Amino acid sequence: MSGTYCFRSALGPLEIRFGDGALTGIRLLESAPAKRAAPPPPFVREAARAIEEHLATGALPLADVPLDFSGLPDFHRRVYAAARDVPPGQTASYGELAARVGSPGAARAVGQAMARNPFMIVVPCHRVLASSGLGGFSAPGGDSTKRRLLELEGAFLQNTPFDLERAIAELREADPALAPVIDRTGPRRLRVEPIEDVFEALGRAIVYQQLSGKAAASIHRKYAALFPRGRPSARHLPRLADATVRGAGLSGAKLLALRDLAARVAAREIPPMARLREMDDEAIVEALTRVRGIGPWTVHMLLIFRLGRPDVLPVGDYGVRKGFAKVYGKRKLPDARALEKHAERWRPWRSVASWYMWRAIESSDAT
């Protein structure tokens, strides 16, 4: 028995091809198929459930998903088996994987095998990187999809447009109280994910307003799944009914903010990302806070996580204030003036220091 099974995921529509007792292929589709296929066998449904849960949490092991390697070259089989041993949150280079399969010097051949990987996600070729950077990615979305998968799993990518290691070293020297937080956080680092679409970037920030990271991520996954390829767009939002968008977990206020943002993007009232990169921080805050529901906090998130600005202090962020109180032993949350005064010693790296305030809360909640 063989067939195909399609299902929606946080990454977009995925197609599973299967044979007798094992999967023969997994791929990301440009759009969901119009026709519904017959119900798949139980092992296919279980594989789809595991993949969905992994994409929702970034941590579910997929080693038990059965794959059919028959018909593949022996070298590819060994490379794919070695790639499955790279755990979520970690990466390996093409050269390292070549050495693991007993073929040192075959980095290029490993790269070719990764490009032909028929089992995306389960054979995690997104965790295998070129020595010079990400390397290629053959699924729809290319490098952007690869980055999304790595970010989901918490892998460290040095992709800030400034010298992050220098920032950390100078913060340690300027404010020794940060050192324990930096040490507890370990290899995790602030990551910047450039997005070319301003609606997608600002829309994500709107969804995350006044929610914990876990709750916001769950709602955003459902919201993004309403769009083709899981990529929110100003062009597609007007086609969605209010009830459909609210069904993803969005409040009425956030829905109105997203609709106002979409209308302004369509009317070219919002600068595109290329123009925003040329503007200074204050000008960006002034331009974007004209949108309904977008205040300084939302713009600060864009500045830090999309534009990679190193010296942004989101004084209104509850997590930054709570982390500050934890790190510096304060009984009460600091007001904006007190936080700004202390943060003068963090310049010109206030974005990085703020990120460590968020991490301080995580380490506190874990104890």
Protein backbone atom coordinates (compact mmCIF):
# COMPACT_ATOMS: atom_id res chain seq x y z
CA MET A 1 0.00 0.00 0.00
CA SER A 2 1.29 3.46 -0.87
CA GLY A 3 -0.14 6.94 -0.97
CA THR A 4 0.13 10.54 0.19
CA TYR A 5 -1.22 12.42 3.16
CA CYS A 6 -1.28 16.22 3.52
CA PHE A 7 -1.69 18.19 6.74
CA ARG A 8 -1.26 21.73 8.00
CA SER A 9 1.59 22.62 10.31
CA ALA A 10 3.14 25.71 11.84
CA LEU A 11 5.59 25.70 8.95
CA GLY A 12 2.89 25.41 6.27
CA PRO A 13 1.20 22.51 4.46
CA LEU A 14 3.27 19.33 4.54
CA GLU A 15 2.91 16.24 2.38
CA ILE A 16 3.87 12.76 3.57
CA ARG A 17 4.45 10.01 1.01
CA PHE A 18 4.30 6.50 2.39
CA GLY A 19 4.67 2.85 1.49
CA ASP A 20 4.31 -0.35 3.49
CA GLY A 21 5.09 0.56 7.09
CA ALA A 22 7.38 3.54 6.43
CA LEU A 23 7.50 7.03 5.01
CA THR A 24 9.06 7.47 1.58
CA GLY A 25 9.13 11.27 1.55
CA ILE A 26 8.19 14.49 3.38
CA ARG A 27 8.02 17.88 1.70
CA LEU A 28 6.74 21.39 2.29
CA LEU A 29 4.09 22.48 -0.21
CA GLU A 30 3.55 25.91 -1.72
CA SER A 31 -0.17 25.61 -0.93
CA ALA A 32 -2.56 23.02 0.49
CA PRO A 33 -4.14 20.65 -2.07
CA ALA A 34 -7.78 21.24 -2.93
CA LYS A 35 -8.79 17.58 -2.76
CA ARG A 36 -8.85 15.54 0.42
CA ALA A 37 -7.21 12.12 0.26
CA ALA A 38 -8.46 8.94 1.89
CA PRO A 39 -7.55 8.47 5.59
CA PRO A 40 -3.95 7.25 5.89
CA PRO A 41 -2.75 4.24 7.88
CA PRO A 42 -2.26 4.71 11.65
CA PHE A 43 1.55 4.89 11.41
CA VAL A 44 1.25 7.83 8.98
CA ARG A 45 -1.17 9.67 11.25
CA GLU A 46 1.19 9.08 14.17
CA ALA A 47 4.13 10.41 12.15
CA ALA A 48 2.14 13.51 11.20
CA ARG A 49 1.17 14.07 14.83
CA ALA A 50 4.80 13.80 15.92
CA ILE A 51 5.95 16.26 13.26
CA GLU A 52 3.18 18.71 14.19
CA GLU A 53 4.11 18.49 17.88
CA HIS A 54 7.79 18.98 17.09
CA LEU A 55 7.02 22.09 15.05
CA ALA A 56 4.86 23.37 17.92
CA THR A 57 7.47 22.80 20.63
CA GLY A 58 10.80 22.54 18.84
CA ALA A 59 11.85 19.65 21.04
CA LEU A 60 9.94 16.41 20.30
CA PRO A 61 12.35 13.65 19.19
CA LEU A 62 11.50 12.21 15.76
CA ALA A 63 13.89 9.26 15.86
CA ASP A 64 11.03 6.76 15.94
CA VAL A 65 9.38 7.98 12.73
CA PRO A 66 9.91 5.08 10.27
CA LEU A 67 11.69 6.04 7.04
CA ASP A 68 12.23 3.97 3.91
CA PHE A 69 15.84 4.48 2.73
CA SER A 70 15.62 1.78 0.03
CA GLY A 71 16.67 3.02 -3.37
CA LEU A 72 18.94 5.73 -1.92
CA PRO A 73 22.71 5.67 -2.43
CA ASP A 74 24.62 4.12 0.45
CA PHE A 75 26.48 7.38 1.15
CA HIS A 76 23.20 9.28 1.42
CA ARG A 77 21.79 6.69 3.80
CA ARG A 78 24.79 7.09 6.11
CA VAL A 79 24.63 10.88 5.94
CA TYR A 80 20.89 10.94 6.71
CA ALA A 81 21.36 8.57 9.65
CA ALA A 82 24.14 10.80 11.01
CA ALA A 83 21.98 13.92 10.53
CA ARG A 84 19.22 12.30 12.60
CA ASP A 85 21.73 12.06 15.47
CA VAL A 86 22.13 15.87 15.59
CA PRO A 87 19.69 16.86 18.38
CA PRO A 88 17.30 19.84 18.26
CA GLY A 89 19.00 23.07 19.27
CA GLN A 90 22.38 21.95 17.90
CA THR A 91 24.00 22.12 14.49
CA ALA A 92 26.81 20.41 12.60
CA SER A 93 28.83 21.50 9.60
CA TYR A 94 28.98 19.58 6.33
CA GLY A 95 32.60 18.75 7.17
CA GLU A 96 31.72 17.45 10.63
CA LEU A 97 29.01 15.21 9.21
CA ALA A 98 31.40 13.90 6.59
CA ALA A 99 33.85 12.93 9.33
CA ARG A 100 31.09 11.20 11.31
CA VAL A 101 30.25 8.92 8.38
CA GLY A 102 33.91 8.06 7.83
CA SER A 103 34.47 10.26 4.78
CA PRO A 104 36.55 13.24 5.91
CA GLY A 105 37.01 15.72 3.11
CA ALA A 106 33.61 14.89 1.58
CA ALA A 107 31.88 18.06 2.80
CA ARG A 108 30.67 18.92 -0.69
CA ALA A 109 29.13 15.46 -1.11
CA VAL A 110 27.35 15.90 2.23
CA GLY A 111 25.97 19.21 0.99
CA GLN A 112 24.68 17.51 -2.14
CA ALA A 113 23.04 14.79 -0.05
CA MET A 114 21.37 17.42 2.13
CA ALA A 115 20.03 19.18 -0.98
CA ARG A 116 18.41 15.90 -2.09
CA ASN A 117 17.05 14.96 1.35
CA PRO A 118 13.57 13.48 0.76
CA PHE A 119 12.60 13.58 4.45
CA MET A 120 12.71 17.23 5.57
CA ILE A 121 12.33 17.83 9.33
CA VAL A 122 12.63 14.13 10.24
CA VAL A 123 16.06 14.00 8.59
CA PRO A 124 16.99 17.45 9.94
CA CYS A 125 19.09 18.81 7.08
CA HIS A 126 18.27 22.30 8.44
CA ARG A 127 20.68 21.54 11.32
CA VAL A 128 23.57 20.94 8.90
CA LEU A 129 25.34 24.17 7.97
CA ALA A 130 28.05 25.28 5.60
CA SER A 131 31.28 26.47 7.23
CA SER A 132 30.61 29.94 5.78
CA GLY A 133 27.03 30.23 7.02
CA LEU A 134 23.63 28.62 6.62
CA GLY A 135 24.30 26.83 3.36
CA GLY A 136 21.45 26.14 0.99
CA PHE A 137 17.95 24.82 1.64
CA SER A 138 15.83 23.34 -1.13
CA ALA A 139 12.38 23.59 0.52
CA PRO A 140 10.03 26.48 -0.32
CA GLY A 141 11.22 29.62 1.43
CA GLY A 142 14.87 28.61 1.16
CA ASP A 143 17.12 30.11 3.83
CA SER A 144 14.16 31.79 5.52
CA THR A 145 12.52 28.40 6.15
CA LYS A 146 15.83 27.00 7.40
CA ARG A 147 16.19 29.88 9.84
CA ARG A 148 12.61 29.41 11.08
CA LEU A 149 13.26 25.76 11.84
CA LEU A 150 16.52 26.51 13.64
CA GLU A 151 14.96 29.33 15.64
CA LEU A 152 12.07 27.09 16.62
CA GLU A 153 14.53 24.55 18.02
CA GLY A 154 16.60 27.16 19.87
CA ALA A 155 19.75 26.69 17.83
CA PHE A 156 22.34 29.43 18.19
CA LEU A 157 23.00 31.42 15.05
CA GLN A 158 25.31 34.41 15.15
CA ASN A 159 23.26 36.61 12.84
CA THR A 160 23.16 39.96 14.59
CA PRO A 161 24.37 42.87 12.43
CA PHE A 162 26.72 43.92 15.24
CA ASP A 163 29.49 42.22 17.20
CA LEU A 164 27.50 40.29 19.79
CA GLU A 165 30.51 38.82 21.59
CA ARG A 166 31.96 42.30 22.00
CA ALA A 167 28.62 43.52 23.35
CA ILE A 168 28.54 40.72 25.95
CA ALA A 169 32.13 41.35 27.01
CA GLU A 170 31.56 45.08 27.43
CA LEU A 171 28.32 44.53 29.37
CA ARG A 172 30.15 42.19 31.77
CA GLU A 173 32.72 44.89 32.41
CA ALA A 174 30.25 47.78 32.68
CA ASP A 175 27.76 45.94 34.90
CA PRO A 176 29.17 42.87 36.71
CA ALA A 177 25.70 41.98 38.04
CA LEU A 178 24.88 40.73 34.53
CA ALA A 179 27.66 38.12 34.57
CA PRO A 180 25.69 35.42 36.47
CA VAL A 181 22.73 35.79 34.09
CA ILE A 182 25.03 35.53 31.07
CA ASP A 183 26.69 32.44 32.54
CA ARG A 184 23.37 30.73 33.35
CA THR A 185 22.05 31.46 29.88
CA GLY A 186 25.00 29.61 28.37
CA PRO A 187 25.45 29.46 24.58
CA ARG A 188 22.03 30.91 23.77
CA ARG A 189 22.34 34.37 22.26
CA LEU A 190 20.13 37.15 21.00
CA ARG A 191 19.16 36.33 17.42
CA VAL A 192 17.91 38.71 14.77
CA GLU A 193 15.60 37.31 12.10
CA PRO A 194 15.36 39.77 9.23
CA ILE A 195 11.97 39.77 7.53
CA GLU A 196 11.45 41.54 4.24
CA ASP A 197 7.70 42.00 4.71
CA VAL A 198 6.81 44.78 7.14
CA PHE A 199 3.26 43.46 7.65
CA GLU A 200 4.56 40.06 8.70
CA ALA A 201 7.10 41.58 11.10
CA LEU A 202 4.74 44.07 12.75
CA GLY A 203 1.86 41.61 12.74
CA ARG A 204 3.90 39.14 14.77
CA ALA A 205 4.69 41.87 17.30
CA ILE A 206 0.98 42.75 17.56
CA VAL A 207 0.08 39.10 18.23
CA TYR A 208 2.73 38.91 20.98
CA GLN A 209 1.49 42.03 22.81
CA GLN A 210 0.72 41.47 26.52
CA LEU A 211 1.11 37.69 26.34
CA SER A 212 3.66 35.25 27.67
CA GLY A 213 6.05 33.92 25.06
CA LYS A 214 4.55 30.41 25.07
CA ALA A 215 0.94 31.57 24.75
CA ALA A 216 1.83 34.11 22.07
CA ALA A 217 3.78 31.54 20.06
CA SER A 218 0.81 29.15 20.10
CA ILE A 219 -1.61 31.84 18.90
CA HIS A 220 0.80 33.09 16.25
CA ARG A 221 1.23 29.57 14.84
CA LYS A 222 -2.54 29.25 14.44
CA TYR A 223 -2.80 32.73 12.95
CA ALA A 224 0.03 32.15 10.47
CA ALA A 225 -1.50 28.83 9.40
CA LEU A 226 -4.47 30.79 7.98
CA PHE A 227 -2.24 32.20 5.23
CA PRO A 228 -0.69 30.53 2.16
CA ARG A 229 2.60 28.83 3.09
CA GLY A 230 2.07 30.01 6.67
CA ARG A 231 3.32 33.53 5.83
CA PRO A 232 0.93 36.35 6.91
CA SER A 233 0.46 39.02 4.24
CA ALA A 234 -1.40 42.32 3.99
CA ARG A 235 -2.85 41.20 0.68
CA HIS A 236 -4.42 38.03 2.07
CA LEU A 237 -5.73 39.27 5.44
CA PRO A 238 -8.79 41.11 3.96
CA ARG A 239 -9.92 37.79 2.49
CA LEU A 240 -10.23 36.24 5.96
CA ALA A 241 -13.44 36.63 7.93
CA ASP A 242 -13.25 38.18 11.40
CA ALA A 243 -14.48 34.94 12.97
CA THR A 244 -11.72 32.98 11.23
CA VAL A 245 -8.97 35.25 12.54
CA ARG A 246 -10.50 35.45 16.02
CA GLY A 247 -10.64 31.65 15.99
CA ALA A 248 -6.85 31.58 16.13
CA GLY A 249 -7.06 33.19 19.58
CA LEU A 250 -6.70 36.86 18.70
CA SER A 251 -8.59 39.50 20.63
CA GLY A 252 -10.90 41.95 18.92
CA ALA A 253 -8.45 44.77 19.54
CA LYS A 254 -5.59 42.87 17.91
CA LEU A 255 -7.77 41.98 14.94
CA LEU A 256 -8.58 45.68 14.42
CA ALA A 257 -4.89 46.55 14.72
CA LEU A 258 -3.94 43.93 12.11
CA ARG A 259 -6.64 45.15 9.73
CA ASP A 260 -5.52 48.77 10.12
CA LEU A 261 -1.92 47.71 9.53
CA ALA A 262 -2.90 45.78 6.38
CA ALA A 263 -4.83 48.78 5.03
CA ARG A 264 -1.93 51.17 5.65
CA VAL A 265 0.58 48.78 4.08
CA ALA A 266 -1.68 48.48 1.01
CA ALA A 267 -1.95 52.28 0.85
CA ARG A 268 1.87 52.55 1.14
CA GLU A 269 1.60 54.61 4.30
CA ILE A 270 4.08 52.33 6.07
CA PRO A 271 7.74 52.41 4.97
CA PRO A 272 8.94 49.07 3.57
CA MET A 273 11.63 47.17 5.45
CA ALA A 274 14.35 48.40 3.09
CA ARG A 275 13.45 52.01 3.95
CA LEU A 276 13.15 51.28 7.68
CA ARG A 277 16.72 49.97 7.69
CA GLU A 278 17.90 53.42 6.58
CA MET A 279 15.92 55.34 9.24
CA ASP A 280 17.06 56.07 12.79
CA ASP A 281 15.28 54.55 15.77
CA GLU A 282 13.23 57.60 16.75
CA ALA A 283 12.00 58.18 13.20
CA ILE A 284 10.86 54.55 13.00
CA VAL A 285 8.96 54.86 16.30
CA GLU A 286 7.24 58.02 15.05
CA ALA A 287 6.29 56.46 11.69
CA LEU A 288 4.92 53.18 12.99
CA THR A 289 3.04 54.29 16.10
CA ARG A 290 0.50 55.94 13.79
CA VAL A 291 -0.96 52.47 13.21
CA ARG A 292 -3.84 51.47 15.46
CA GLY A 293 -2.67 49.29 18.32
CA ILE A 294 1.04 49.85 17.70
CA GLY A 295 2.82 51.65 20.52
CA PRO A 296 6.49 52.09 21.38
CA TRP A 297 6.79 48.52 22.75
CA THR A 298 5.75 46.97 19.45
CA VAL A 299 8.20 49.12 17.53
CA HIS A 300 10.95 48.33 20.02
CA MET A 301 10.46 44.60 19.32
CA LEU A 302 10.81 45.30 15.60
CA LEU A 303 13.95 47.34 16.19
CA ILE A 304 15.59 44.61 18.29
CA PHE A 305 14.52 41.36 16.63
CA ARG A 306 14.00 42.38 12.98
CA LEU A 307 16.30 45.33 12.37
CA GLY A 308 19.03 44.30 14.83
CA ARG A 309 19.42 47.69 16.48
CA PRO A 310 21.86 47.23 19.38
CA ASP A 311 20.84 50.08 21.70
CA VAL A 312 17.07 49.83 22.26
CA LEU A 313 15.62 49.90 25.79
CA PRO A 314 11.96 48.79 25.95
CA VAL A 315 11.23 50.56 29.24
CA GLY A 316 7.56 49.60 29.14
CA ASP A 317 8.19 45.87 28.83
CA TYR A 318 7.01 43.95 31.89
CA GLY A 319 9.56 41.18 31.37
CA VAL A 320 12.49 43.59 31.24
CA ARG A 321 11.29 45.33 34.40
CA LYS A 322 10.66 42.03 36.20
CA GLY A 323 14.05 40.69 35.15
CA PHE A 324 15.71 43.89 36.35
CA ALA A 325 14.05 43.55 39.77
CA LYS A 326 15.25 39.92 39.96
CA VAL A 327 18.84 40.63 38.92
CA TYR A 328 19.29 43.66 41.17
CA GLY A 329 17.32 42.43 44.17
CA LYS A 330 14.51 44.99 44.01
CA ARG A 331 11.25 44.37 45.83
CA LYS A 332 9.29 46.48 43.36
CA LEU A 333 9.43 46.75 39.61
CA PRO A 334 11.43 49.81 38.52
CA ASP A 335 9.64 52.72 36.90
CA ALA A 336 10.80 53.99 33.52
CA ARG A 337 13.03 56.69 35.02
CA ALA A 338 14.89 54.29 37.32
CA LEU A 339 15.37 51.75 34.54
CA GLU A 340 16.63 54.39 32.10
CA LYS A 341 19.06 55.75 34.70
CA HIS A 342 20.60 52.34 35.41
CA ALA A 343 20.65 51.41 31.72
CA GLU A 344 22.99 54.28 30.91
CA ARG A 345 25.84 51.93 31.86
CA TRP A 346 24.57 49.45 29.26
CA ARG A 347 24.99 51.82 26.30
CA PRO A 348 25.52 51.16 23.43
CA TRP A 349 24.23 47.60 24.04
CA ARG A 350 20.88 48.14 25.77
CA SER A 351 19.12 45.70 23.41
CA VAL A 352 21.44 42.89 24.51
CA ALA A 353 21.10 43.79 28.20
CA SER A 354 17.30 43.81 27.83
CA TRP A 355 17.46 40.34 26.27
CA TYR A 356 19.32 39.12 29.35
CA MET A 357 16.60 40.61 31.58
CA TRP A 358 14.14 38.28 29.83
CA ARG A 359 16.50 35.36 30.32
CA ALA A 360 16.76 36.20 34.04
CA ILE A 361 13.03 35.53 34.39
CA GLU A 362 13.39 32.15 32.71
CA SER A 363 16.15 31.06 35.08
CA SER A 364 14.10 32.34 38.02
CA ASP A 365 10.97 30.44 36.95
CA ALA A 366 12.98 27.26 36.54
CA THR A 367 14.19 27.28 40.16
